[in-house]
Amino acid sequence: MTALSDHAVPQNPGWLSRAEAWMDDKGKGAWIAAMVLGFIFFWPVGLALLAYMIWSKRMFSKSCRSRKSWHSHMSAMKPSGNSAFDAYKSDTLARLEREQQEFESFLRRLRDAKDKAEFDQFMDERARENNDEAENGERA
């Protein structure tokens, strides 16, 4: 049968080959969903799908989509060969990292200010309660 990474479909595929290619395009989640539904509706179908997934190594291989996206992320880090573009890209990445750090420090200051305001409010309420208790104690 076909491996998970290549989706070679014969010239006149049968419904089984088309279904297998369609499931391969959807990824491992589709195979697992089909297996679970097979167990729910008619357990021998689920068992057959599980055996097929183990036999064809679909169960233990990584999804094609995750490998493709990993390679596309890695290719973004490679130099393009155009020095002007590479300089622009490195300047832009440095600027974005600097902006991210500034934004994170802004959020940290915002959280600290909120925490301080909440703590000050708590301390004011506590002082007010202590004053009320002291006044009530003196009156009695």
N, C-alpha and C. Protein backbone atom coordinates (compact mmCIF):
# COMPACT_ATOMS: atom_id res chain seq x y z
N MET A 1 0.83 -1.18 0.00
CA MET A 1 0.00 0.00 0.00
C MET A 1 0.88 1.25 0.00
N THR A 2 0.25 2.39 0.07
CA THR A 2 1.02 3.63 0.02
C THR A 2 1.50 4.02 1.40
N ALA A 3 2.63 4.66 1.45
CA ALA A 3 3.15 5.17 2.71
C ALA A 3 2.45 6.48 3.04
N LEU A 4 2.57 6.91 4.25
CA LEU A 4 1.90 8.14 4.67
C LEU A 4 2.48 9.35 3.96
N SER A 5 3.75 9.29 3.60
CA SER A 5 4.38 10.46 3.01
C SER A 5 4.17 10.58 1.50
N ASP A 6 3.90 9.48 0.81
CA ASP A 6 3.62 9.64 -0.63
C ASP A 6 2.22 9.15 -0.92
N HIS A 7 1.51 9.94 -1.70
CA HIS A 7 0.12 9.66 -1.98
C HIS A 7 -0.04 9.24 -3.44
N ALA A 8 0.68 8.23 -3.85
CA ALA A 8 0.59 7.76 -5.23
C ALA A 8 -0.71 6.99 -5.40
N VAL A 9 -1.54 7.48 -6.29
CA VAL A 9 -2.82 6.84 -6.56
C VAL A 9 -2.74 6.21 -7.95
N PRO A 10 -3.12 4.95 -8.10
CA PRO A 10 -3.05 4.31 -9.40
C PRO A 10 -3.94 5.00 -10.43
N GLN A 11 -3.77 4.62 -11.71
CA GLN A 11 -4.51 5.24 -12.80
C GLN A 11 -6.02 5.12 -12.59
N ASN A 12 -6.52 3.94 -12.37
CA ASN A 12 -7.96 3.72 -12.13
C ASN A 12 -8.13 3.19 -10.71
N PRO A 13 -8.09 4.09 -9.74
CA PRO A 13 -8.13 3.61 -8.37
C PRO A 13 -9.53 3.12 -8.01
N GLY A 14 -9.55 2.12 -7.19
CA GLY A 14 -10.81 1.63 -6.66
C GLY A 14 -11.24 2.51 -5.51
N TRP A 15 -12.40 2.24 -4.98
CA TRP A 15 -12.91 3.06 -3.90
C TRP A 15 -12.03 2.94 -2.65
N LEU A 16 -11.41 1.76 -2.49
CA LEU A 16 -10.56 1.56 -1.33
C LEU A 16 -9.28 2.41 -1.42
N SER A 17 -8.69 2.46 -2.62
CA SER A 17 -7.48 3.28 -2.81
C SER A 17 -7.80 4.76 -2.69
N ARG A 18 -8.96 5.16 -3.22
CA ARG A 18 -9.35 6.57 -3.10
C ARG A 18 -9.60 6.94 -1.64
N ALA A 19 -10.25 6.03 -0.90
CA ALA A 19 -10.53 6.29 0.51
C ALA A 19 -9.21 6.38 1.30
N GLU A 20 -8.28 5.49 0.98
CA GLU A 20 -6.98 5.52 1.67
C GLU A 20 -6.24 6.82 1.38
N ALA A 21 -6.24 7.27 0.13
CA ALA A 21 -5.57 8.52 -0.24
C ALA A 21 -6.25 9.71 0.44
N TRP A 22 -7.58 9.69 0.49
CA TRP A 22 -8.31 10.77 1.14
C TRP A 22 -7.96 10.83 2.63
N MET A 23 -7.91 9.67 3.29
CA MET A 23 -7.58 9.60 4.71
C MET A 23 -6.14 10.08 4.94
N ASP A 24 -5.23 9.70 4.03
CA ASP A 24 -3.84 10.14 4.16
C ASP A 24 -3.75 11.66 4.05
N ASP A 25 -4.55 12.26 3.16
CA ASP A 25 -4.54 13.72 3.02
C ASP A 25 -5.05 14.40 4.29
N LYS A 26 -5.99 13.79 4.97
CA LYS A 26 -6.55 14.38 6.18
C LYS A 26 -5.64 14.21 7.39
N GLY A 27 -4.76 13.22 7.36
CA GLY A 27 -3.80 13.04 8.45
C GLY A 27 -4.17 11.90 9.38
N LYS A 28 -3.33 11.75 10.42
CA LYS A 28 -3.48 10.64 11.35
C LYS A 28 -4.78 10.74 12.14
N GLY A 29 -5.25 11.95 12.39
CA GLY A 29 -6.49 12.12 13.14
C GLY A 29 -7.69 11.49 12.44
N ALA A 30 -7.71 11.56 11.11
CA ALA A 30 -8.81 10.94 10.36
C ALA A 30 -8.76 9.43 10.49
N TRP A 31 -7.56 8.87 10.47
CA TRP A 31 -7.43 7.41 10.63
C TRP A 31 -7.91 6.98 12.02
N ILE A 32 -7.53 7.76 13.02
CA ILE A 32 -7.93 7.40 14.39
C ILE A 32 -9.44 7.56 14.55
N ALA A 33 -10.00 8.61 13.98
CA ALA A 33 -11.46 8.80 14.06
C ALA A 33 -12.19 7.65 13.37
N ALA A 34 -11.70 7.24 12.21
CA ALA A 34 -12.33 6.12 11.50
C ALA A 34 -12.24 4.84 12.32
N MET A 35 -11.11 4.63 12.98
CA MET A 35 -10.94 3.43 13.79
C MET A 35 -11.91 3.46 14.98
N VAL A 36 -12.03 4.60 15.64
CA VAL A 36 -12.94 4.71 16.79
C VAL A 36 -14.38 4.48 16.34
N LEU A 37 -14.76 5.12 15.22
CA LEU A 37 -16.12 4.90 14.71
C LEU A 37 -16.34 3.44 14.32
N GLY A 38 -15.30 2.81 13.78
CA GLY A 38 -15.41 1.39 13.46
C GLY A 38 -15.67 0.56 14.70
N PHE A 39 -14.97 0.87 15.80
CA PHE A 39 -15.21 0.15 17.05
C PHE A 39 -16.61 0.42 17.59
N ILE A 40 -17.09 1.62 17.42
CA ILE A 40 -18.41 1.97 17.95
C ILE A 40 -19.52 1.24 17.18
N PHE A 41 -19.45 1.27 15.85
CA PHE A 41 -20.54 0.72 15.06
C PHE A 41 -20.43 -0.78 14.82
N PHE A 42 -19.22 -1.28 14.56
CA PHE A 42 -19.06 -2.72 14.31
C PHE A 42 -17.61 -3.04 14.65
N TRP A 43 -17.37 -3.63 15.82
CA TRP A 43 -16.02 -3.76 16.35
C TRP A 43 -15.03 -4.45 15.42
N PRO A 44 -15.42 -5.41 14.55
CA PRO A 44 -14.40 -5.99 13.67
C PRO A 44 -13.81 -4.96 12.68
N VAL A 45 -14.61 -3.97 12.30
CA VAL A 45 -14.09 -2.93 11.39
C VAL A 45 -13.04 -2.10 12.12
N GLY A 46 -13.32 -1.72 13.36
CA GLY A 46 -12.33 -0.97 14.15
C GLY A 46 -11.07 -1.76 14.37
N LEU A 47 -11.21 -3.05 14.64
CA LEU A 47 -10.05 -3.91 14.83
C LEU A 47 -9.25 -4.04 13.55
N ALA A 48 -9.95 -4.17 12.42
CA ALA A 48 -9.26 -4.26 11.13
C ALA A 48 -8.51 -2.97 10.82
N LEU A 49 -9.12 -1.82 11.10
CA LEU A 49 -8.43 -0.54 10.87
C LEU A 49 -7.22 -0.39 11.78
N LEU A 50 -7.35 -0.81 13.03
CA LEU A 50 -6.21 -0.75 13.95
C LEU A 50 -5.07 -1.63 13.46
N ALA A 51 -5.39 -2.85 13.03
CA ALA A 51 -4.36 -3.75 12.51
C ALA A 51 -3.71 -3.15 11.26
N TYR A 52 -4.52 -2.56 10.38
CA TYR A 52 -3.97 -1.97 9.16
C TYR A 52 -3.07 -0.78 9.49
N MET A 53 -3.49 0.04 10.46
CA MET A 53 -2.67 1.20 10.83
C MET A 53 -1.33 0.78 11.42
N ILE A 54 -1.34 -0.27 12.22
CA ILE A 54 -0.08 -0.77 12.79
C ILE A 54 0.77 -1.42 11.70
N TRP A 55 0.15 -2.23 10.85
CA TRP A 55 0.89 -2.93 9.79
C TRP A 55 1.51 -1.95 8.80
N SER A 56 0.78 -0.90 8.43
CA SER A 56 1.29 0.06 7.44
C SER A 56 2.11 1.17 8.09
N LYS A 57 2.32 1.08 9.40
CA LYS A 57 3.11 2.06 10.17
C LYS A 57 2.48 3.45 10.18
N ARG A 58 1.19 3.56 9.95
CA ARG A 58 0.50 4.84 10.03
C ARG A 58 0.32 5.27 11.49
N MET A 59 0.22 4.32 12.37
CA MET A 59 -0.03 4.60 13.77
C MET A 59 1.16 5.31 14.42
N PHE A 60 2.38 4.98 14.01
CA PHE A 60 3.56 5.47 14.70
C PHE A 60 4.35 6.49 13.91
N SER A 61 3.86 6.87 12.73
CA SER A 61 4.59 7.86 11.93
C SER A 61 4.03 9.24 12.22
N LYS A 62 4.82 10.25 11.92
CA LYS A 62 4.37 11.63 12.12
C LYS A 62 3.51 12.04 10.94
N SER A 63 2.67 13.02 11.17
CA SER A 63 1.81 13.54 10.11
C SER A 63 2.64 14.27 9.06
N CYS A 64 2.23 14.18 7.81
CA CYS A 64 2.93 14.87 6.73
C CYS A 64 2.87 16.37 6.92
N ARG A 65 1.74 16.86 7.38
CA ARG A 65 1.58 18.30 7.53
C ARG A 65 2.55 18.86 8.55
N SER A 66 2.79 18.15 9.65
CA SER A 66 3.70 18.67 10.67
C SER A 66 5.12 18.71 10.14
N ARG A 67 5.51 17.74 9.33
CA ARG A 67 6.86 17.76 8.75
C ARG A 67 7.00 18.90 7.77
N LYS A 68 5.99 19.13 6.94
CA LYS A 68 6.05 20.22 5.97
C LYS A 68 6.14 21.57 6.66
N SER A 69 5.35 21.77 7.73
CA SER A 69 5.37 23.06 8.41
C SER A 69 6.70 23.26 9.13
N TRP A 70 7.29 22.18 9.67
CA TRP A 70 8.58 22.29 10.33
C TRP A 70 9.64 22.71 9.33
N HIS A 71 9.61 22.11 8.14
CA HIS A 71 10.59 22.48 7.11
C HIS A 71 10.38 23.92 6.65
N SER A 72 9.15 24.38 6.54
CA SER A 72 8.91 25.75 6.10
C SER A 72 9.40 26.75 7.15
N HIS A 73 9.28 26.41 8.44
CA HIS A 73 9.78 27.30 9.48
C HIS A 73 11.30 27.33 9.46
N MET A 74 11.92 26.20 9.20
CA MET A 74 13.38 26.16 9.17
C MET A 74 13.91 26.90 7.95
N SER A 75 13.19 26.85 6.83
CA SER A 75 13.67 27.54 5.64
C SER A 75 13.61 29.05 5.80
N ALA A 76 12.78 29.53 6.69
CA ALA A 76 12.70 30.97 6.93
C ALA A 76 13.97 31.48 7.60
N MET A 77 14.69 30.63 8.30
CA MET A 77 15.90 31.04 8.99
C MET A 77 17.14 30.99 8.10
N LYS A 78 17.06 30.32 6.97
CA LYS A 78 18.21 30.21 6.08
C LYS A 78 18.42 31.53 5.33
N PRO A 79 19.67 31.85 5.03
CA PRO A 79 19.91 33.05 4.22
C PRO A 79 19.42 32.83 2.79
N SER A 80 18.91 33.90 2.19
CA SER A 80 18.34 33.79 0.85
C SER A 80 19.39 33.90 -0.25
N GLY A 81 20.55 34.44 0.08
CA GLY A 81 21.57 34.66 -0.94
C GLY A 81 21.61 36.11 -1.39
N ASN A 82 20.54 36.84 -1.14
CA ASN A 82 20.48 38.25 -1.48
C ASN A 82 20.86 39.02 -0.22
N SER A 83 22.02 39.68 -0.23
CA SER A 83 22.54 40.31 0.98
C SER A 83 21.64 41.46 1.45
N ALA A 84 21.06 42.21 0.51
CA ALA A 84 20.19 43.32 0.91
C ALA A 84 18.94 42.79 1.61
N PHE A 85 18.36 41.74 1.08
CA PHE A 85 17.17 41.17 1.70
C PHE A 85 17.52 40.55 3.04
N ASP A 86 18.65 39.86 3.12
CA ASP A 86 19.05 39.24 4.39
C ASP A 86 19.27 40.30 5.46
N ALA A 87 19.88 41.46 5.09
CA ALA A 87 20.08 42.54 6.04
C ALA A 87 18.74 43.11 6.49
N TYR A 88 17.81 43.30 5.55
CA TYR A 88 16.47 43.79 5.87
C TYR A 88 15.76 42.81 6.81
N LYS A 89 15.87 41.52 6.50
CA LYS A 89 15.21 40.51 7.31
C LYS A 89 15.78 40.50 8.73
N SER A 90 17.11 40.57 8.87
CA SER A 90 17.69 40.55 10.21
C SER A 90 17.33 41.82 10.98
N ASP A 91 17.30 42.99 10.31
CA ASP A 91 16.89 44.23 10.98
C ASP A 91 15.44 44.15 11.44
N THR A 92 14.58 43.62 10.57
CA THR A 92 13.16 43.50 10.92
C THR A 92 12.96 42.54 12.08
N LEU A 93 13.65 41.40 12.06
CA LEU A 93 13.53 40.45 13.16
C LEU A 93 14.04 41.05 14.47
N ALA A 94 15.16 41.80 14.40
CA ALA A 94 15.68 42.45 15.61
C ALA A 94 14.68 43.48 16.14
N ARG A 95 14.07 44.25 15.23
CA ARG A 95 13.08 45.25 15.64
C ARG A 95 11.87 44.59 16.28
N LEU A 96 11.40 43.49 15.68
CA LEU A 96 10.24 42.78 16.24
C LEU A 96 10.55 42.19 17.61
N GLU A 97 11.76 41.65 17.77
CA GLU A 97 12.14 41.12 19.08
C GLU A 97 12.20 42.23 20.12
N ARG A 98 12.74 43.39 19.75
CA ARG A 98 12.82 44.54 20.65
C ARG A 98 11.40 45.00 21.03
N GLU A 99 10.50 45.08 20.04
CA GLU A 99 9.12 45.48 20.32
C GLU A 99 8.42 44.48 21.22
N GLN A 100 8.70 43.20 21.02
CA GLN A 100 8.10 42.17 21.86
C GLN A 100 8.58 42.32 23.31
N GLN A 101 9.88 42.56 23.49
CA GLN A 101 10.41 42.75 24.84
C GLN A 101 9.81 43.99 25.50
N GLU A 102 9.67 45.09 24.72
CA GLU A 102 9.07 46.30 25.27
C GLU A 102 7.61 46.07 25.66
N PHE A 103 6.88 45.33 24.83
CA PHE A 103 5.48 45.05 25.13
C PHE A 103 5.35 44.17 26.37
N GLU A 104 6.24 43.17 26.48
CA GLU A 104 6.20 42.30 27.66
C GLU A 104 6.53 43.09 28.93
N SER A 105 7.48 44.03 28.84
CA SER A 105 7.79 44.84 30.03
C SER A 105 6.63 45.78 30.35
N PHE A 106 5.94 46.29 29.33
CA PHE A 106 4.75 47.11 29.56
C PHE A 106 3.68 46.30 30.27
N LEU A 107 3.45 45.07 29.82
CA LEU A 107 2.45 44.22 30.48
C LEU A 107 2.86 43.91 31.91
N ARG A 108 4.15 43.69 32.14
CA ARG A 108 4.63 43.43 33.49
C ARG A 108 4.38 44.65 34.39
N ARG A 109 4.67 45.86 33.89
CA ARG A 109 4.42 47.07 34.67
C ARG A 109 2.92 47.23 34.93
N LEU A 110 2.10 46.92 33.94
CA LEU A 110 0.65 47.02 34.09
C LEU A 110 0.15 46.06 35.17
N ARG A 111 0.65 44.81 35.14
CA ARG A 111 0.27 43.83 36.16
C ARG A 111 0.73 44.28 37.55
N ASP A 112 1.96 44.81 37.62
CA ASP A 112 2.47 45.27 38.91
C ASP A 112 1.62 46.42 39.44
N ALA A 113 1.22 47.35 38.57
CA ALA A 113 0.38 48.47 39.00
C ALA A 113 -0.98 47.97 39.48
N LYS A 114 -1.53 47.01 38.78
CA LYS A 114 -2.82 46.45 39.19
C LYS A 114 -2.70 45.75 40.54
N ASP A 115 -1.61 44.96 40.70
CA ASP A 115 -1.39 44.27 41.97
C ASP A 115 -1.23 45.27 43.11
N LYS A 116 -0.48 46.34 42.85
CA LYS A 116 -0.27 47.36 43.89
C LYS A 116 -1.59 48.03 44.25
N ALA A 117 -2.41 48.34 43.22
CA ALA A 117 -3.70 48.98 43.49
C ALA A 117 -4.61 48.06 44.30
N GLU A 118 -4.62 46.78 43.97
CA GLU A 118 -5.44 45.82 44.72
C GLU A 118 -4.93 45.68 46.15
N PHE A 119 -3.60 45.63 46.31
CA PHE A 119 -3.04 45.52 47.65
C PHE A 119 -3.34 46.77 48.47
N ASP A 120 -3.20 47.95 47.87
CA ASP A 120 -3.51 49.20 48.58
C ASP A 120 -4.98 49.24 48.99
N GLN A 121 -5.87 48.77 48.11
CA GLN A 121 -7.30 48.73 48.43
C GLN A 121 -7.55 47.78 49.61
N PHE A 122 -6.88 46.63 49.59
CA PHE A 122 -7.02 45.67 50.69
C PHE A 122 -6.54 46.28 52.01
N MET A 123 -5.38 46.94 51.96
CA MET A 123 -4.84 47.53 53.18
C MET A 123 -5.75 48.66 53.69
N ASP A 124 -6.33 49.47 52.78
CA ASP A 124 -7.25 50.53 53.20
C ASP A 124 -8.49 49.94 53.86
N GLU A 125 -9.05 48.86 53.28
CA GLU A 125 -10.23 48.22 53.86
C GLU A 125 -9.89 47.63 55.23
N ARG A 126 -8.70 47.05 55.33
CA ARG A 126 -8.28 46.46 56.60
C ARG A 126 -8.11 47.54 57.66
N ALA A 127 -7.49 48.65 57.27
CA ALA A 127 -7.31 49.76 58.22
C ALA A 127 -8.65 50.32 58.64
N ARG A 128 -9.59 50.44 57.70
CA ARG A 128 -10.93 50.93 58.01
C ARG A 128 -11.64 49.99 58.98
N GLU A 129 -11.51 48.68 58.76
CA GLU A 129 -12.13 47.71 59.66
C GLU A 129 -11.52 47.79 61.05
N ASN A 130 -10.19 47.95 61.11
CA ASN A 130 -9.53 48.07 62.42
C ASN A 130 -9.96 49.33 63.15
N ASN A 131 -10.12 50.44 62.41
CA ASN A 131 -10.59 51.69 63.01
C ASN A 131 -12.01 51.55 63.53
N ASP A 132 -12.86 50.87 62.73
CA ASP A 132 -14.24 50.66 63.15
C ASP A 132 -14.29 49.81 64.42
N GLU A 133 -13.47 48.77 64.48
CA GLU A 133 -13.44 47.91 65.67
C GLU A 133 -12.93 48.67 66.88
N ALA A 134 -11.92 49.52 66.64
CA ALA A 134 -11.37 50.30 67.76
C ALA A 134 -12.41 51.30 68.27
N GLU A 135 -13.13 51.95 67.37
CA GLU A 135 -14.16 52.90 67.78
C GLU A 135 -15.30 52.20 68.51
N ASN A 136 -15.69 51.02 68.02
CA ASN A 136 -16.76 50.27 68.66
C ASN A 136 -16.30 49.76 70.04
N GLY A 137 -15.04 49.42 70.16
CA GLY A 137 -14.49 48.94 71.44
C GLY A 137 -14.43 50.06 72.47
N GLU A 138 -14.13 51.30 72.04
CA GLU A 138 -14.05 52.43 72.96
C GLU A 138 -15.44 52.83 73.45
N ARG A 139 -16.44 52.71 72.61
CA ARG A 139 -17.80 53.10 72.98
C ARG A 139 -18.41 52.15 73.99
N ALA A 140 -18.01 50.91 73.94
CA ALA A 140 -18.63 49.91 74.82
C ALA A 140 -18.13 49.95 76.23
